[in-house]
Amino acid sequence: MTRKKLSLGLFAAALIVTGVGTANAAPAGCESSGYVCLYRDDDYKGGQVNLTNSTTAISNLGSYGFNDNADSFHSNFGNDAAWWTDANYTGRRVCMHSYTSNRSFSFQDSDEATSAKKYSSPTAC
């Protein structure tokens, strides 16, 4: 084996061991493909409400005991989703793009989500 091939192989092994370049695992409760999860606290903790394959929209998160409680989100979904500051998808809209997450909402967004839904397009937001 040439020195160059050996060096590349060792470099690739180091990347795998350290986790560099590998996908992050979904937070607890949001491992299923197609889920978009809103969490009560930062770092995907404190309870959650999920948009799933069968529940694609929630017009009032208060019905789930989750009104104005979200502080982080994770999307395991191939299309965009969004949450709004008011019921029935009104007020200010905040996009959650496909396969993204936010471990800590800004001061402006903290505890503001009141409705949420998944879109049928990866470019809806």
Protein backbone atom coordinates (compact mmCIF):
# COMPACT_ATOMS: atom_id res chain seq x y z
CA MET A 1 0.00 0.00 0.00
CA THR A 2 1.34 3.41 -0.86
CA ARG A 3 1.98 6.02 1.79
CA LYS A 4 -0.68 8.30 0.25
CA LYS A 5 -3.39 5.62 0.42
CA LEU A 6 -2.44 4.74 3.98
CA SER A 7 -2.58 8.41 5.04
CA LEU A 8 -5.99 8.90 3.45
CA GLY A 9 -7.29 5.77 5.13
CA LEU A 10 -6.06 6.88 8.55
CA PHE A 11 -7.55 10.35 8.00
CA ALA A 12 -10.95 8.85 7.10
CA ALA A 13 -10.82 6.61 10.18
CA ALA A 14 -10.04 9.64 12.36
CA LEU A 15 -13.04 11.50 10.95
CA ILE A 16 -15.34 8.61 11.78
CA VAL A 17 -13.99 8.20 15.32
CA THR A 18 -14.26 11.91 16.12
CA GLY A 19 -17.66 12.31 14.48
CA VAL A 20 -16.50 14.99 12.08
CA GLY A 21 -18.48 14.90 8.88
CA THR A 22 -21.10 12.50 10.19
CA ALA A 23 -24.78 13.31 10.56
CA ASN A 24 -26.05 14.16 14.04
CA ALA A 25 -28.58 11.78 15.51
CA ALA A 26 -32.12 13.07 15.89
CA PRO A 27 -33.11 14.12 19.41
CA ALA A 28 -35.25 11.79 21.50
CA GLY A 29 -38.78 11.47 20.17
CA CYS A 30 -37.97 12.78 16.70
CA GLU A 31 -36.13 9.80 15.21
CA SER A 32 -38.96 8.86 12.83
CA SER A 33 -38.67 9.97 9.24
CA GLY A 34 -41.18 12.68 8.40
CA TYR A 35 -41.41 14.12 11.93
CA VAL A 36 -41.05 17.80 12.83
CA CYS A 37 -40.77 18.22 16.59
CA LEU A 38 -41.17 21.28 18.79
CA TYR A 39 -39.59 21.01 22.27
CA ARG A 40 -40.57 22.91 25.40
CA ASP A 41 -36.99 23.73 26.41
CA ASP A 42 -33.62 24.42 24.83
CA ASP A 43 -31.54 21.45 23.65
CA TYR A 44 -34.62 19.40 22.66
CA LYS A 45 -35.76 18.80 26.24
CA GLY A 46 -38.78 19.36 28.47
CA GLY A 47 -41.50 17.56 26.52
CA GLN A 48 -42.57 17.98 22.95
CA VAL A 49 -45.30 18.07 20.36
CA ASN A 50 -44.77 16.41 16.97
CA LEU A 51 -46.01 16.97 13.47
CA THR A 52 -46.05 13.42 12.11
CA ASN A 53 -47.03 11.62 8.93
CA SER A 54 -50.67 11.62 10.10
CA THR A 55 -50.74 14.91 12.06
CA THR A 56 -49.40 17.37 9.53
CA ALA A 57 -50.85 20.54 11.06
CA ILE A 58 -51.93 21.81 14.47
CA SER A 59 -54.04 24.97 14.31
CA ASN A 60 -53.85 25.60 18.07
CA LEU A 61 -50.99 24.17 20.11
CA GLY A 62 -52.99 25.06 23.22
CA SER A 63 -55.13 21.99 22.46
CA TYR A 64 -51.98 19.98 23.21
CA GLY A 65 -51.08 22.01 26.32
CA PHE A 66 -48.23 23.53 24.32
CA ASN A 67 -49.29 27.10 23.52
CA ASP A 68 -46.39 29.58 23.74
CA ASN A 69 -44.03 26.91 25.07
CA ALA A 70 -41.54 26.00 22.31
CA ASP A 71 -37.84 26.79 22.69
CA SER A 72 -36.22 24.38 20.19
CA PHE A 73 -37.14 22.27 17.17
CA HIS A 74 -35.84 19.43 15.02
CA SER A 75 -37.01 18.53 11.51
CA ASN A 76 -36.59 14.98 10.25
CA PHE A 77 -38.77 15.87 7.25
CA GLY A 78 -37.87 16.40 3.58
CA ASN A 79 -40.05 19.49 3.12
CA ASP A 80 -40.37 22.81 4.89
CA ALA A 81 -42.57 23.37 7.93
CA ALA A 82 -43.43 26.49 9.92
CA TRP A 83 -44.87 27.71 13.18
CA TRP A 84 -46.89 30.87 13.79
CA THR A 85 -47.27 33.17 16.78
CA ASP A 86 -51.07 32.93 16.66
CA ALA A 87 -53.70 30.23 16.22
CA ASN A 88 -54.92 29.14 12.79
CA TYR A 89 -51.59 29.87 11.09
CA THR A 90 -51.76 33.63 11.61
CA GLY A 91 -49.36 36.15 13.09
CA ARG A 92 -45.65 36.01 12.45
CA ARG A 93 -44.45 32.89 10.61
CA VAL A 94 -41.15 31.19 11.46
CA CYS A 95 -39.86 28.64 8.96
CA MET A 96 -38.39 25.27 9.85
CA HIS A 97 -36.54 24.12 6.75
CA SER A 98 -36.19 20.45 5.83
CA TYR A 99 -33.71 18.45 7.90
CA THR A 100 -32.69 21.37 10.11
CA SER A 101 -32.88 22.08 13.80
CA ASN A 102 -32.56 24.92 16.27
CA ARG A 103 -31.44 23.97 19.74
CA SER A 104 -32.27 27.36 21.29
CA PHE A 105 -34.78 29.88 19.95
CA SER A 106 -33.89 33.58 20.00
CA PHE A 107 -35.37 35.83 22.67
CA GLN A 108 -37.92 37.01 20.08
CA ASP A 109 -39.05 33.44 19.25
CA SER A 110 -38.87 31.86 22.71
CA ASP A 111 -42.27 30.67 23.94
CA GLU A 112 -44.17 32.17 20.98
CA ALA A 113 -45.38 29.18 18.87
CA THR A 114 -49.17 28.81 18.78
CA SER A 115 -49.80 26.87 15.54
CA ALA A 116 -47.64 24.76 13.23
CA LYS A 117 -47.84 22.82 9.99
CA LYS A 118 -45.80 20.88 7.46
CA TYR A 119 -45.68 21.94 3.82
CA SER A 120 -45.67 19.68 0.77
CA SER A 121 -42.64 21.42 -0.72
CA PRO A 122 -38.98 21.81 0.27
CA THR A 123 -39.09 25.44 -0.92
CA ALA A 124 -42.35 26.65 0.68
CA CYS A 125 -40.60 29.04 3.07
